[in-house]
Amino acid sequence: MTPIASIYEIQSAVLDLQRYRQSKDKVVFVRAQERYEQWVDRFFRENVKVVEPEKRNICLHDVDYFLKLLESTIEYYRFN
């Protein structure tokens, strides 16, 4: 899988998780958060030479920031 294809897969999964991360059911929320963290970890593991690891913590707490980072990383791969 290309880096861009992988990022699109992560992006799609994160967007799908959003409704579960907003659930009032604690079990559903916790499981969705765990899956979200796994996607964030995968992104940083696969893009270690492109993205600063310090941004991981921000991404864990800010989905919008993470989605923007995904987009900017796609742009990086397109032009490099």
N, C-alpha and C. Protein backbone atom coordinates (compact mmCIF):
# COMPACT_ATOMS: atom_id res chain seq x y z
N MET A 1 0.84 -1.17 0.00
CA MET A 1 0.00 0.00 0.00
C MET A 1 0.89 1.24 0.00
N THR A 2 0.54 2.19 -0.82
CA THR A 2 1.32 3.44 -0.87
C THR A 2 1.04 4.28 0.39
N PRO A 3 1.95 5.19 0.70
CA PRO A 3 1.70 6.06 1.87
C PRO A 3 0.39 6.84 1.76
N ILE A 4 0.08 7.32 0.56
CA ILE A 4 -1.14 8.09 0.38
C ILE A 4 -2.37 7.21 0.58
N ALA A 5 -2.35 6.00 0.03
CA ALA A 5 -3.47 5.08 0.21
C ALA A 5 -3.67 4.74 1.68
N SER A 6 -2.59 4.55 2.39
CA SER A 6 -2.67 4.26 3.81
C SER A 6 -3.28 5.43 4.58
N ILE A 7 -2.88 6.64 4.24
CA ILE A 7 -3.42 7.82 4.91
C ILE A 7 -4.91 7.95 4.63
N TYR A 8 -5.32 7.68 3.39
CA TYR A 8 -6.76 7.73 3.08
C TYR A 8 -7.53 6.68 3.88
N GLU A 9 -6.94 5.51 4.05
CA GLU A 9 -7.58 4.47 4.86
C GLU A 9 -7.74 4.94 6.31
N ILE A 10 -6.69 5.53 6.85
CA ILE A 10 -6.73 6.05 8.23
C ILE A 10 -7.78 7.15 8.33
N GLN A 11 -7.78 8.06 7.38
CA GLN A 11 -8.73 9.17 7.38
C GLN A 11 -10.17 8.65 7.36
N SER A 12 -10.44 7.70 6.51
CA SER A 12 -11.78 7.14 6.41
C SER A 12 -12.20 6.48 7.72
N ALA A 13 -11.30 5.73 8.32
CA ALA A 13 -11.60 5.04 9.58
C ALA A 13 -11.86 6.04 10.70
N VAL A 14 -11.06 7.09 10.76
CA VAL A 14 -11.23 8.11 11.80
C VAL A 14 -12.57 8.82 11.63
N LEU A 15 -12.93 9.14 10.41
CA LEU A 15 -14.22 9.79 10.17
C LEU A 15 -15.38 8.87 10.56
N ASP A 16 -15.25 7.59 10.28
CA ASP A 16 -16.28 6.62 10.67
C ASP A 16 -16.40 6.51 12.19
N LEU A 17 -15.29 6.65 12.88
CA LEU A 17 -15.29 6.53 14.34
C LEU A 17 -15.92 7.72 15.05
N GLN A 18 -16.03 8.84 14.36
CA GLN A 18 -16.47 10.07 15.01
C GLN A 18 -17.80 9.91 15.75
N ARG A 19 -18.77 9.27 15.14
CA ARG A 19 -20.08 9.15 15.80
C ARG A 19 -20.00 8.32 17.07
N TYR A 20 -19.08 7.34 17.08
CA TYR A 20 -18.91 6.52 18.27
C TYR A 20 -18.14 7.25 19.36
N ARG A 21 -17.24 8.12 18.96
CA ARG A 21 -16.48 8.89 19.94
C ARG A 21 -17.34 9.96 20.61
N GLN A 22 -18.49 10.24 20.04
CA GLN A 22 -19.41 11.21 20.62
C GLN A 22 -20.55 10.53 21.36
N SER A 23 -20.47 9.22 21.49
CA SER A 23 -21.53 8.45 22.15
C SER A 23 -21.58 8.76 23.65
N LYS A 24 -22.79 8.72 24.17
CA LYS A 24 -22.98 8.92 25.61
C LYS A 24 -22.75 7.62 26.37
N ASP A 25 -22.74 6.52 25.65
CA ASP A 25 -22.46 5.22 26.25
C ASP A 25 -20.95 5.12 26.49
N LYS A 26 -20.56 5.04 27.74
CA LYS A 26 -19.13 5.07 28.11
C LYS A 26 -18.35 3.94 27.45
N VAL A 27 -18.93 2.74 27.39
CA VAL A 27 -18.23 1.60 26.79
C VAL A 27 -17.97 1.85 25.31
N VAL A 28 -18.96 2.37 24.63
CA VAL A 28 -18.81 2.67 23.20
C VAL A 28 -17.75 3.74 23.00
N PHE A 29 -17.82 4.79 23.81
CA PHE A 29 -16.84 5.87 23.70
C PHE A 29 -15.42 5.38 23.94
N VAL A 30 -15.22 4.59 25.00
CA VAL A 30 -13.88 4.11 25.34
C VAL A 30 -13.32 3.23 24.23
N ARG A 31 -14.15 2.35 23.70
CA ARG A 31 -13.68 1.47 22.61
C ARG A 31 -13.35 2.29 21.36
N ALA A 32 -14.17 3.28 21.05
CA ALA A 32 -13.89 4.13 19.89
C ALA A 32 -12.61 4.92 20.10
N GLN A 33 -12.38 5.40 21.31
CA GLN A 33 -11.16 6.14 21.61
C GLN A 33 -9.93 5.24 21.46
N GLU A 34 -10.05 4.00 21.90
CA GLU A 34 -8.93 3.05 21.74
C GLU A 34 -8.61 2.83 20.27
N ARG A 35 -9.65 2.65 19.46
CA ARG A 35 -9.44 2.46 18.02
C ARG A 35 -8.83 3.72 17.40
N TYR A 36 -9.31 4.88 17.82
CA TYR A 36 -8.77 6.14 17.32
C TYR A 36 -7.27 6.23 17.62
N GLU A 37 -6.90 5.91 18.84
CA GLU A 37 -5.49 5.96 19.23
C GLU A 37 -4.66 4.98 18.40
N GLN A 38 -5.23 3.84 18.06
CA GLN A 38 -4.51 2.89 17.21
C GLN A 38 -4.28 3.46 15.82
N TRP A 39 -5.26 4.17 15.28
CA TRP A 39 -5.09 4.79 13.96
C TRP A 39 -4.04 5.90 14.01
N VAL A 40 -4.06 6.69 15.08
CA VAL A 40 -3.05 7.75 15.25
C VAL A 40 -1.66 7.11 15.33
N ASP A 41 -1.53 6.08 16.12
CA ASP A 41 -0.24 5.40 16.26
C ASP A 41 0.24 4.84 14.93
N ARG A 42 -0.67 4.24 14.18
CA ARG A 42 -0.29 3.69 12.87
C ARG A 42 0.21 4.81 11.96
N PHE A 43 -0.50 5.93 11.93
CA PHE A 43 -0.07 7.05 11.09
C PHE A 43 1.34 7.51 11.44
N PHE A 44 1.60 7.68 12.73
CA PHE A 44 2.93 8.15 13.14
C PHE A 44 4.00 7.10 12.91
N ARG A 45 3.66 5.86 13.05
CA ARG A 45 4.62 4.78 12.80
C ARG A 45 4.98 4.72 11.31
N GLU A 46 3.99 4.86 10.45
CA GLU A 46 4.21 4.76 9.01
C GLU A 46 4.85 6.02 8.41
N ASN A 47 4.74 7.13 9.10
CA ASN A 47 5.23 8.41 8.56
C ASN A 47 6.27 9.04 9.45
N VAL A 48 7.06 8.20 10.09
CA VAL A 48 8.04 8.66 11.08
C VAL A 48 9.05 9.65 10.49
N LYS A 49 9.36 9.53 9.21
CA LYS A 49 10.34 10.42 8.59
C LYS A 49 9.72 11.71 8.05
N VAL A 50 8.40 11.80 8.12
CA VAL A 50 7.69 12.94 7.54
C VAL A 50 7.05 13.83 8.60
N VAL A 51 6.58 13.23 9.67
CA VAL A 51 5.82 13.96 10.69
C VAL A 51 6.58 13.94 12.01
N GLU A 52 6.61 15.08 12.68
CA GLU A 52 7.31 15.16 13.97
C GLU A 52 6.54 14.37 15.03
N PRO A 53 7.21 13.51 15.75
CA PRO A 53 6.54 12.68 16.76
C PRO A 53 5.88 13.49 17.88
N GLU A 54 6.33 14.71 18.09
CA GLU A 54 5.75 15.55 19.14
C GLU A 54 4.29 15.88 18.85
N LYS A 55 3.90 15.81 17.60
CA LYS A 55 2.52 16.13 17.22
C LYS A 55 1.54 15.02 17.59
N ARG A 56 2.05 13.86 17.93
CA ARG A 56 1.18 12.73 18.27
C ARG A 56 0.25 13.06 19.43
N ASN A 57 0.81 13.65 20.47
CA ASN A 57 0.01 13.97 21.65
C ASN A 57 -1.12 14.94 21.32
N ILE A 58 -0.84 15.91 20.49
CA ILE A 58 -1.88 16.86 20.07
C ILE A 58 -2.98 16.10 19.32
N CYS A 59 -2.56 15.22 18.43
CA CYS A 59 -3.52 14.46 17.62
C CYS A 59 -4.41 13.57 18.48
N LEU A 60 -3.87 13.03 19.54
CA LEU A 60 -4.67 12.16 20.41
C LEU A 60 -5.83 12.92 21.05
N HIS A 61 -5.69 14.22 21.20
CA HIS A 61 -6.71 15.01 21.88
C HIS A 61 -7.48 15.94 20.96
N ASP A 62 -7.09 16.01 19.70
CA ASP A 62 -7.74 16.95 18.78
C ASP A 62 -7.91 16.29 17.41
N VAL A 63 -9.09 15.77 17.16
CA VAL A 63 -9.36 15.05 15.91
C VAL A 63 -9.23 15.98 14.71
N ASP A 64 -9.72 17.21 14.84
CA ASP A 64 -9.64 18.14 13.71
C ASP A 64 -8.19 18.40 13.32
N TYR A 65 -7.34 18.56 14.31
CA TYR A 65 -5.92 18.76 14.05
C TYR A 65 -5.34 17.54 13.33
N PHE A 66 -5.72 16.35 13.79
CA PHE A 66 -5.23 15.12 13.17
C PHE A 66 -5.69 15.04 11.71
N LEU A 67 -6.93 15.35 11.45
CA LEU A 67 -7.43 15.29 10.08
C LEU A 67 -6.69 16.29 9.17
N LYS A 68 -6.40 17.46 9.70
CA LYS A 68 -5.63 18.45 8.93
C LYS A 68 -4.20 17.95 8.69
N LEU A 69 -3.63 17.31 9.68
CA LEU A 69 -2.28 16.75 9.53
C LEU A 69 -2.27 15.66 8.47
N LEU A 70 -3.31 14.85 8.43
CA LEU A 70 -3.41 13.82 7.39
C LEU A 70 -3.41 14.48 6.01
N GLU A 71 -4.21 15.52 5.85
CA GLU A 71 -4.29 16.21 4.56
C GLU A 71 -2.95 16.83 4.17
N SER A 72 -2.29 17.46 5.12
CA SER A 72 -1.00 18.09 4.79
C SER A 72 0.06 17.04 4.46
N THR A 73 -0.03 15.88 5.08
CA THR A 73 0.92 14.81 4.77
C THR A 73 0.67 14.24 3.38
N ILE A 74 -0.59 14.14 3.00
CA ILE A 74 -0.92 13.71 1.63
C ILE A 74 -0.33 14.69 0.64
N GLU A 75 -0.49 15.98 0.90
CA GLU A 75 0.08 17.00 0.02
C GLU A 75 1.60 16.88 -0.06
N TYR A 76 2.23 16.61 1.06
CA TYR A 76 3.68 16.43 1.07
C TYR A 76 4.08 15.29 0.12
N TYR A 77 3.40 14.15 0.22
CA TYR A 77 3.74 13.01 -0.63
C TYR A 77 3.46 13.31 -2.10
N ARG A 78 2.45 14.07 -2.38
CA ARG A 78 2.13 14.40 -3.79
C ARG A 78 3.20 15.25 -4.44
N PHE A 79 3.81 16.13 -3.67
CA PHE A 79 4.76 17.07 -4.26
C PHE A 79 6.22 16.70 -4.01
N ASN A 80 6.48 15.58 -3.36
CA ASN A 80 7.87 15.18 -3.11
C ASN A 80 8.15 13.80 -3.64
